[in-house]
């Protein structure tokens, strides 16, 4: 298994995050939720993108959905 890519939210553009996921890497983001530090783990299983957040696990079947999530949540750098 490839080593995870650890990022701060907004550190890299969505293209970089998606590329890392497609290479089989997990992307770990350190986020603040309600004043506490938490990790969000992003991964891709070849068919579905997974976002494991402190409160839920949600999935995206399309790359466009994942990109929208990265932008909406502030995980990706703005273009």
Protein backbone atom coordinates (compact mmCIF):
# COMPACT_ATOMS: atom_id res chain seq x y z
CA UNK A 1 0.00 0.00 0.00
CA UNK A 2 1.26 3.47 -0.85
CA UNK A 3 1.87 5.93 1.95
CA UNK A 4 -0.95 8.39 2.70
CA UNK A 5 -0.67 11.96 1.52
CA UNK A 6 -1.16 14.24 4.54
CA UNK A 7 -2.42 17.75 3.70
CA UNK A 8 -3.87 20.83 5.30
CA UNK A 9 -7.23 21.92 3.84
CA UNK A 10 -6.68 24.24 0.88
CA UNK A 11 -3.03 23.23 0.47
CA UNK A 12 -3.40 21.54 -2.94
CA UNK A 13 -5.80 21.94 -5.87
CA UNK A 14 -8.50 19.34 -6.56
CA UNK A 15 -6.52 18.01 -9.55
CA UNK A 16 -3.63 17.02 -7.25
CA UNK A 17 -5.94 15.40 -4.70
CA UNK A 18 -7.84 13.44 -7.36
CA UNK A 19 -4.54 12.32 -8.96
CA UNK A 20 -3.26 11.03 -5.61
CA UNK A 21 -6.51 9.15 -5.01
CA UNK A 22 -6.39 7.58 -8.49
CA UNK A 23 -2.79 6.45 -7.77
CA UNK A 24 -4.16 4.46 -4.84
CA UNK A 25 -3.08 6.85 -2.09
CA UNK A 26 -5.26 7.87 0.79
CA UNK A 27 -5.39 11.59 1.43
CA UNK A 28 -5.51 12.59 5.09
CA UNK A 29 -6.62 16.12 5.97
CA UNK A 30 -6.32 17.67 9.42
CA UNK A 31 -9.47 19.73 10.03
CA UNK A 32 -11.00 21.68 12.88
CA UNK A 33 -14.56 20.67 13.81
CA UNK A 34 -16.28 22.46 16.67
CA UNK A 35 -12.91 23.62 17.99
CA UNK A 36 -11.33 20.16 17.99
CA UNK A 37 -8.75 18.68 15.64
CA UNK A 38 -9.92 15.73 13.53
CA UNK A 39 -8.78 13.79 10.49
CA UNK A 40 -10.72 13.39 7.26
CA UNK A 41 -9.60 10.46 5.14
CA UNK A 42 -10.28 10.47 1.41
CA UNK A 43 -9.83 7.35 -0.71
CA UNK A 44 -10.80 5.85 -4.05
CA UNK A 45 -11.45 2.13 -4.55
CA UNK A 46 -11.43 2.21 -8.35
CA UNK A 47 -15.16 2.84 -8.60
CA UNK A 48 -16.22 5.05 -5.71
CA UNK A 49 -14.65 8.00 -3.90
CA UNK A 50 -14.99 7.80 -0.11
CA UNK A 51 -14.88 10.68 2.40
CA UNK A 52 -14.51 9.47 5.97
CA UNK A 53 -15.24 12.51 8.14
CA UNK A 54 -15.53 12.82 11.93
CA UNK A 55 -19.32 12.62 11.63
CA UNK A 56 -19.98 10.34 8.66
CA UNK A 57 -18.74 8.31 5.73
CA UNK A 58 -20.10 9.51 2.43
CA UNK A 59 -19.47 8.33 -1.10
CA UNK A 60 -19.29 9.83 -4.56
CA UNK A 61 -19.71 7.68 -7.65
CA UNK A 62 -18.51 10.36 -10.09
CA UNK A 63 -15.28 12.36 -10.15
CA UNK A 64 -17.30 15.56 -10.66
CA UNK A 65 -19.17 14.86 -7.40
CA UNK A 66 -15.87 14.38 -5.56
CA UNK A 67 -14.49 17.63 -7.00
CA UNK A 68 -17.63 19.46 -5.88
CA UNK A 69 -17.23 18.01 -2.38
CA UNK A 70 -13.56 19.03 -2.22
CA UNK A 71 -14.52 22.58 -3.18
CA UNK A 72 -17.61 22.77 -0.94
CA UNK A 73 -15.76 21.51 2.14
CA UNK A 74 -12.69 23.67 1.51
CA UNK A 75 -10.37 20.67 1.22
CA UNK A 76 -8.96 21.79 -2.16
CA UNK A 77 -7.16 25.02 -2.95
CA UNK A 78 -9.21 27.53 -4.90
CA UNK A 79 -8.38 27.78 -8.60
